[in-house]
Amino acid sequence: MSYRCGPSDWIDLAIGRLEDAKRSLRECDRLRQGCDICEELRQARRCLNKALIMVAEEKGIEKDWSTK
């Protein structure tokens, strides 16, 4: 059986990435060292963008912002 990700699935993935970033920050604070959470934040942004695009397509919303 095939599973198709919908907007809510992408939002769940984004929330998971943000939680990963939060854990990374806490761990870095605990260890008192520098931390790079950029990748987790980039992945969260990609997931949210995917969800927004899917909702816009479903609703027939113009996406001028997505072509920039």
PDB file of N, CA and C in Angstrom:
ATOM      1  N   MET A   1       0.834  -1.171   0.000  1.00  0.00           N
ATOM      2  CA  MET A   1       0.000   0.000   0.000  1.00  0.00           C
ATOM      3  C   MET A   1       0.884   1.242   0.000  1.00  0.00           C
ATOM      4  N   SER A   2       0.565   2.155  -0.868  1.00  0.00           N
ATOM      5  CA  SER A   2       1.349   3.367  -1.006  1.00  0.00           C
ATOM      6  C   SER A   2       0.775   4.469  -0.105  1.00  0.00           C
ATOM      7  N   TYR A   3       1.657   5.273   0.445  1.00  0.00           N
ATOM      8  CA  TYR A   3       1.222   6.363   1.316  1.00  0.00           C
ATOM      9  C   TYR A   3       1.612   7.685   0.691  1.00  0.00           C
ATOM     10  N   ARG A   4       0.658   8.587   0.581  1.00  0.00           N
ATOM     11  CA  ARG A   4       0.900   9.908   0.001  1.00  0.00           C
ATOM     12  C   ARG A   4       0.922  10.939   1.122  1.00  0.00           C
ATOM     13  N   CYS A   5       1.992  11.719   1.181  1.00  0.00           N
ATOM     14  CA  CYS A   5       2.093  12.751   2.202  1.00  0.00           C
ATOM     15  C   CYS A   5       1.233  13.947   1.830  1.00  0.00           C
ATOM     16  N   GLY A   6       0.448  14.393   2.774  1.00  0.00           N
ATOM     17  CA  GLY A   6      -0.357  15.588   2.588  1.00  0.00           C
ATOM     18  C   GLY A   6       0.243  16.753   3.364  1.00  0.00           C
ATOM     19  N   PRO A   7      -0.375  17.918   3.307  1.00  0.00           N
ATOM     20  CA  PRO A   7       0.155  19.089   4.006  1.00  0.00           C
ATOM     21  C   PRO A   7       0.362  18.858   5.504  1.00  0.00           C
ATOM     22  N   SER A   8      -0.579  18.177   6.139  1.00  0.00           N
ATOM     23  CA  SER A   8      -0.431  17.960   7.588  1.00  0.00           C
ATOM     24  C   SER A   8       0.770  17.084   7.902  1.00  0.00           C
ATOM     25  N   ASP A   9       1.088  16.143   7.013  1.00  0.00           N
ATOM     26  CA  ASP A   9       2.268  15.301   7.215  1.00  0.00           C
ATOM     27  C   ASP A   9       3.554  16.132   7.135  1.00  0.00           C
ATOM     28  N   TRP A  10       3.592  17.055   6.164  1.00  0.00           N
ATOM     29  CA  TRP A  10       4.771  17.921   6.021  1.00  0.00           C
ATOM     30  C   TRP A  10       4.906  18.851   7.218  1.00  0.00           C
ATOM     31  N   ILE A  11       3.772  19.318   7.753  1.00  0.00           N
ATOM     32  CA  ILE A  11       3.827  20.167   8.945  1.00  0.00           C
ATOM     33  C   ILE A  11       4.335  19.364  10.134  1.00  0.00           C
ATOM     34  N   ASP A  12       3.877  18.114  10.283  1.00  0.00           N
ATOM     35  CA  ASP A  12       4.385  17.245  11.352  1.00  0.00           C
ATOM     36  C   ASP A  12       5.893  17.053  11.225  1.00  0.00           C
ATOM     37  N   LEU A  13       6.373  16.850   9.994  1.00  0.00           N
ATOM     38  CA  LEU A  13       7.818  16.702   9.788  1.00  0.00           C
ATOM     39  C   LEU A  13       8.564  17.982  10.170  1.00  0.00           C
ATOM     40  N   ALA A  14       8.004  19.128   9.826  1.00  0.00           N
ATOM     41  CA  ALA A  14       8.633  20.406  10.171  1.00  0.00           C
ATOM     42  C   ALA A  14       8.712  20.571  11.687  1.00  0.00           C
ATOM     43  N   ILE A  15       7.638  20.216  12.374  1.00  0.00           N
ATOM     44  CA  ILE A  15       7.634  20.313  13.834  1.00  0.00           C
ATOM     45  C   ILE A  15       8.699  19.394  14.425  1.00  0.00           C
ATOM     46  N   GLY A  16       8.836  18.215  13.867  1.00  0.00           N
ATOM     47  CA  GLY A  16       9.879  17.297  14.320  1.00  0.00           C
ATOM     48  C   GLY A  16      11.269  17.881  14.135  1.00  0.00           C
ATOM     49  N   ARG A  17      11.505  18.533  13.005  1.00  0.00           N
ATOM     50  CA  ARG A  17      12.803  19.167  12.750  1.00  0.00           C
ATOM     51  C   ARG A  17      13.059  20.295  13.737  1.00  0.00           C
ATOM     52  N   LEU A  18      12.016  21.081  14.049  1.00  0.00           N
ATOM     53  CA  LEU A  18      12.170  22.162  15.022  1.00  0.00           C
ATOM     54  C   LEU A  18      12.462  21.602  16.413  1.00  0.00           C
ATOM     55  N   GLU A  19      11.826  20.492  16.748  1.00  0.00           N
ATOM     56  CA  GLU A  19      12.110  19.844  18.032  1.00  0.00           C
ATOM     57  C   GLU A  19      13.548  19.328  18.068  1.00  0.00           C
ATOM     58  N   ASP A  20      14.033  18.788  16.938  1.00  0.00           N
ATOM     59  CA  ASP A  20      15.437  18.360  16.861  1.00  0.00           C
ATOM     60  C   ASP A  20      16.380  19.535  17.089  1.00  0.00           C
ATOM     61  N   ALA A  21      16.061  20.674  16.472  1.00  0.00           N
ATOM     62  CA  ALA A  21      16.894  21.863  16.635  1.00  0.00           C
ATOM     63  C   ALA A  21      16.897  22.328  18.092  1.00  0.00           C
ATOM     64  N   LYS A  22      15.745  22.268  18.717  1.00  0.00           N
ATOM     65  CA  LYS A  22      15.637  22.667  20.129  1.00  0.00           C
ATOM     66  C   LYS A  22      16.484  21.744  21.017  1.00  0.00           C
ATOM     67  N   ARG A  23      16.426  20.443  20.752  1.00  0.00           N
ATOM     68  CA  ARG A  23      17.248  19.495  21.519  1.00  0.00           C
ATOM     69  C   ARG A  23      18.733  19.762  21.305  1.00  0.00           C
ATOM     70  N   SER A  24      19.097  20.067  20.054  1.00  0.00           N
ATOM     71  CA  SER A  24      20.503  20.364  19.753  1.00  0.00           C
ATOM     72  C   SER A  24      20.978  21.584  20.524  1.00  0.00           C
ATOM     73  N   LEU A  25      20.138  22.614  20.573  1.00  0.00           N
ATOM     74  CA  LEU A  25      20.505  23.813  21.325  1.00  0.00           C
ATOM     75  C   LEU A  25      20.679  23.514  22.806  1.00  0.00           C
ATOM     76  N   ARG A  26      19.759  22.734  23.359  1.00  0.00           N
ATOM     77  CA  ARG A  26      19.863  22.375  24.780  1.00  0.00           C
ATOM     78  C   ARG A  26      21.145  21.594  25.044  1.00  0.00           C
ATOM     79  N   GLU A  27      21.462  20.659  24.163  1.00  0.00           N
ATOM     80  CA  GLU A  27      22.674  19.850  24.322  1.00  0.00           C
ATOM     81  C   GLU A  27      23.918  20.735  24.241  1.00  0.00           C
ATOM     82  N   CYS A  28      23.919  21.667  23.309  1.00  0.00           N
ATOM     83  CA  CYS A  28      25.066  22.573  23.177  1.00  0.00           C
ATOM     84  C   CYS A  28      25.207  23.463  24.401  1.00  0.00           C
ATOM     85  N   ASP A  29      24.074  23.936  24.934  1.00  0.00           N
ATOM     86  CA  ASP A  29      24.117  24.749  26.153  1.00  0.00           C
ATOM     87  C   ASP A  29      24.661  23.928  27.316  1.00  0.00           C
ATOM     88  N   ARG A  30      24.219  22.670  27.394  1.00  0.00           N
ATOM     89  CA  ARG A  30      24.667  21.796  28.489  1.00  0.00           C
ATOM     90  C   ARG A  30      26.164  21.557  28.407  1.00  0.00           C
ATOM     91  N   LEU A  31      26.654  21.367  27.184  1.00  0.00           N
ATOM     92  CA  LEU A  31      28.080  21.106  26.993  1.00  0.00           C
ATOM     93  C   LEU A  31      28.908  22.390  26.916  1.00  0.00           C
ATOM     94  N   ARG A  32      28.218  23.531  26.867  1.00  0.00           N
ATOM     95  CA  ARG A  32      28.872  24.842  26.785  1.00  0.00           C
ATOM     96  C   ARG A  32      29.816  24.942  25.585  1.00  0.00           C
ATOM     97  N   GLN A  33      29.289  24.560  24.447  1.00  0.00           N
ATOM     98  CA  GLN A  33      30.081  24.658  23.221  1.00  0.00           C
ATOM     99  C   GLN A  33      29.221  25.217  22.096  1.00  0.00           C
ATOM    100  N   GLY A  34      29.878  25.642  21.048  1.00  0.00           N
ATOM    101  CA  GLY A  34      29.169  26.181  19.884  1.00  0.00           C
ATOM    102  C   GLY A  34      28.311  25.110  19.231  1.00  0.00           C
ATOM    103  N   CYS A  35      27.301  25.553  18.531  1.00  0.00           N
ATOM    104  CA  CYS A  35      26.364  24.611  17.947  1.00  0.00           C
ATOM    105  C   CYS A  35      25.882  25.128  16.597  1.00  0.00           C
ATOM    106  N   ASP A  36      25.735  24.247  15.628  1.00  0.00           N
ATOM    107  CA  ASP A  36      25.220  24.625  14.316  1.00  0.00           C
ATOM    108  C   ASP A  36      23.927  23.863  14.066  1.00  0.00           C
ATOM    109  N   ILE A  37      22.808  24.562  14.194  1.00  0.00           N
ATOM    110  CA  ILE A  37      21.500  23.928  13.982  1.00  0.00           C
ATOM    111  C   ILE A  37      20.903  24.328  12.641  1.00  0.00           C
ATOM    112  N   CYS A  38      21.707  24.936  11.810  1.00  0.00           N
ATOM    113  CA  CYS A  38      21.200  25.439  10.528  1.00  0.00           C
ATOM    114  C   CYS A  38      20.546  24.349   9.682  1.00  0.00           C
ATOM    115  N   GLU A  39      21.121  23.174   9.636  1.00  0.00           N
ATOM    116  CA  GLU A  39      20.561  22.108   8.796  1.00  0.00           C
ATOM    117  C   GLU A  39      19.168  21.700   9.267  1.00  0.00           C
ATOM    118  N   GLU A  40      18.978  21.557  10.584  1.00  0.00           N
ATOM    119  CA  GLU A  40      17.650  21.206  11.093  1.00  0.00           C
ATOM    120  C   GLU A  40      16.637  22.295  10.763  1.00  0.00           C
ATOM    121  N   LEU A  41      17.059  23.562  10.874  1.00  0.00           N
ATOM    122  CA  LEU A  41      16.152  24.665  10.559  1.00  0.00           C
ATOM    123  C   LEU A  41      15.849  24.719   9.063  1.00  0.00           C
ATOM    124  N   ARG A  42      16.838  24.436   8.216  1.00  0.00           N
ATOM    125  CA  ARG A  42      16.602  24.397   6.768  1.00  0.00           C
ATOM    126  C   ARG A  42      15.604  23.298   6.414  1.00  0.00           C
ATOM    127  N   GLN A  43      15.758  22.133   7.034  1.00  0.00           N
ATOM    128  CA  GLN A  43      14.829  21.035   6.762  1.00  0.00           C
ATOM    129  C   GLN A  43      13.412  21.389   7.214  1.00  0.00           C
ATOM    130  N   ALA A  44      13.287  22.051   8.354  1.00  0.00           N
ATOM    131  CA  ALA A  44      11.972  22.472   8.829  1.00  0.00           C
ATOM    132  C   ALA A  44      11.347  23.459   7.845  1.00  0.00           C
ATOM    133  N   ARG A  45      12.145  24.397   7.338  1.00  0.00           N
ATOM    134  CA  ARG A  45      11.637  25.368   6.370  1.00  0.00           C
ATOM    135  C   ARG A  45      11.176  24.678   5.092  1.00  0.00           C
ATOM    136  N   ARG A  46      11.946  23.699   4.618  1.00  0.00           N
ATOM    137  CA  ARG A  46      11.551  22.958   3.407  1.00  0.00           C
ATOM    138  C   ARG A  46      10.216  22.236   3.612  1.00  0.00           C
ATOM    139  N   CYS A  47      10.045  21.622   4.770  1.00  0.00           N
ATOM    140  CA  CYS A  47       8.795  20.914   5.061  1.00  0.00           C
ATOM    141  C   CYS A  47       7.614  21.876   5.093  1.00  0.00           C
ATOM    142  N   LEU A  48       7.792  23.021   5.745  1.00  0.00           N
ATOM    143  CA  LEU A  48       6.707  24.001   5.800  1.00  0.00           C
ATOM    144  C   LEU A  48       6.400  24.558   4.421  1.00  0.00           C
ATOM    145  N   ASN A  49       7.429  24.839   3.638  1.00  0.00           N
ATOM    146  CA  ASN A  49       7.210  25.338   2.274  1.00  0.00           C
ATOM    147  C   ASN A  49       6.424  24.322   1.447  1.00  0.00           C
ATOM    148  N   LYS A  50       6.776  23.053   1.571  1.00  0.00           N
ATOM    149  CA  LYS A  50       6.072  22.002   0.826  1.00  0.00           C
ATOM    150  C   LYS A  50       4.599  21.974   1.222  1.00  0.00           C
ATOM    151  N   ALA A  51       4.322  22.074   2.530  1.00  0.00           N
ATOM    152  CA  ALA A  51       2.940  22.071   3.001  1.00  0.00           C
ATOM    153  C   ALA A  51       2.183  23.283   2.465  1.00  0.00           C
ATOM    154  N   LEU A  52       2.799  24.456   2.490  1.00  0.00           N
ATOM    155  CA  LEU A  52       2.144  25.668   1.989  1.00  0.00           C
ATOM    156  C   LEU A  52       1.840  25.569   0.501  1.00  0.00           C
ATOM    157  N   ILE A  53       2.770  25.040  -0.256  1.00  0.00           N
ATOM    158  CA  ILE A  53       2.561  24.882  -1.698  1.00  0.00           C
ATOM    159  C   ILE A  53       1.421  23.908  -1.970  1.00  0.00           C
ATOM    160  N   MET A  54       1.382  22.804  -1.221  1.00  0.00           N
ATOM    161  CA  MET A  54       0.321  21.822  -1.424  1.00  0.00           C
ATOM    162  C   MET A  54      -1.053  22.424  -1.109  1.00  0.00           C
ATOM    163  N   VAL A  55      -1.143  23.191  -0.022  1.00  0.00           N
ATOM    164  CA  VAL A  55      -2.418  23.818   0.338  1.00  0.00           C
ATOM    165  C   VAL A  55      -2.812  24.835  -0.727  1.00  0.00           C
ATOM    166  N   ALA A  56      -1.847  25.624  -1.189  1.00  0.00           N
ATOM    167  CA  ALA A  56      -2.136  26.622  -2.228  1.00  0.00           C
ATOM    168  C   ALA A  56      -2.641  25.946  -3.499  1.00  0.00           C
ATOM    169  N   GLU A  57      -2.030  24.827  -3.868  1.00  0.00           N
ATOM    170  CA  GLU A  57      -2.468  24.100  -5.067  1.00  0.00           C
ATOM    171  C   GLU A  57      -3.868  23.536  -4.883  1.00  0.00           C
ATOM    172  N   GLU A  58      -4.143  23.002  -3.694  1.00  0.00           N
ATOM    173  CA  GLU A  58      -5.475  22.447  -3.432  1.00  0.00           C
ATOM    174  C   GLU A  58      -6.550  23.525  -3.480  1.00  0.00           C
ATOM    175  N   LYS A  59      -6.222  24.711  -3.006  1.00  0.00           N
ATOM    176  CA  LYS A  59      -7.196  25.798  -2.927  1.00  0.00           C
ATOM    177  C   LYS A  59      -7.184  26.668  -4.171  1.00  0.00           C
ATOM    178  N   GLY A  60      -6.259  26.425  -5.095  1.00  0.00           N
ATOM    179  CA  GLY A  60      -6.178  27.221  -6.304  1.00  0.00           C
ATOM    180  C   GLY A  60      -5.690  28.638  -6.061  1.00  0.00           C
ATOM    181  N   ILE A  61      -4.869  28.811  -5.044  1.00  0.00           N
ATOM    182  CA  ILE A  61      -4.354  30.131  -4.683  1.00  0.00           C
ATOM    183  C   ILE A  61      -3.174  30.472  -5.592  1.00  0.00           C
ATOM    184  N   GLU A  62      -3.117  31.705  -6.047  1.00  0.00           N
ATOM    185  CA  GLU A  62      -1.989  32.168  -6.854  1.00  0.00           C
ATOM    186  C   GLU A  62      -0.736  32.145  -5.994  1.00  0.00           C
ATOM    187  N   LYS A  63       0.375  31.729  -6.598  1.00  0.00           N
ATOM    188  CA  LYS A  63       1.607  31.578  -5.838  1.00  0.00           C
ATOM    189  C   LYS A  63       2.706  32.463  -6.436  1.00  0.00           C
ATOM    190  N   ASP A  64       2.491  33.755  -6.517  1.00  0.00           N
ATOM    191  CA  ASP A  64       3.526  34.652  -7.033  1.00  0.00           C
ATOM    192  C   ASP A  64       4.800  34.528  -6.208  1.00  0.00           C
ATOM    193  N   TRP A  65       4.674  34.335  -4.909  1.00  0.00           N
ATOM    194  CA  TRP A  65       5.831  34.247  -4.032  1.00  0.00           C
ATOM    195  C   TRP A  65       6.678  33.017  -4.314  1.00  0.00           C
ATOM    196  N   SER A  66       6.086  31.978  -4.868  1.00  0.00           N
ATOM    197  CA  SER A  66       6.849  30.744  -5.089  1.00  0.00           C
ATOM    198  C   SER A  66       7.718  30.807  -6.347  1.00  0.00           C
ATOM    199  N   THR A  67       7.492  31.798  -7.195  1.00  0.00           N
ATOM    200  CA  THR A  67       8.298  31.903  -8.409  1.00  0.00           C
ATOM    201  C   THR A  67       9.479  32.837  -8.230  1.00  0.00           C
ATOM    202  N   LYS A  68       9.582  33.462  -7.073  1.00  0.00           N
ATOM    203  CA  LYS A  68      10.683  34.413  -6.813  1.00  0.00           C
ATOM    204  C   LYS A  68      11.943  33.679  -6.427  1.00  0.00           C
TER     205      LYS A  68
END
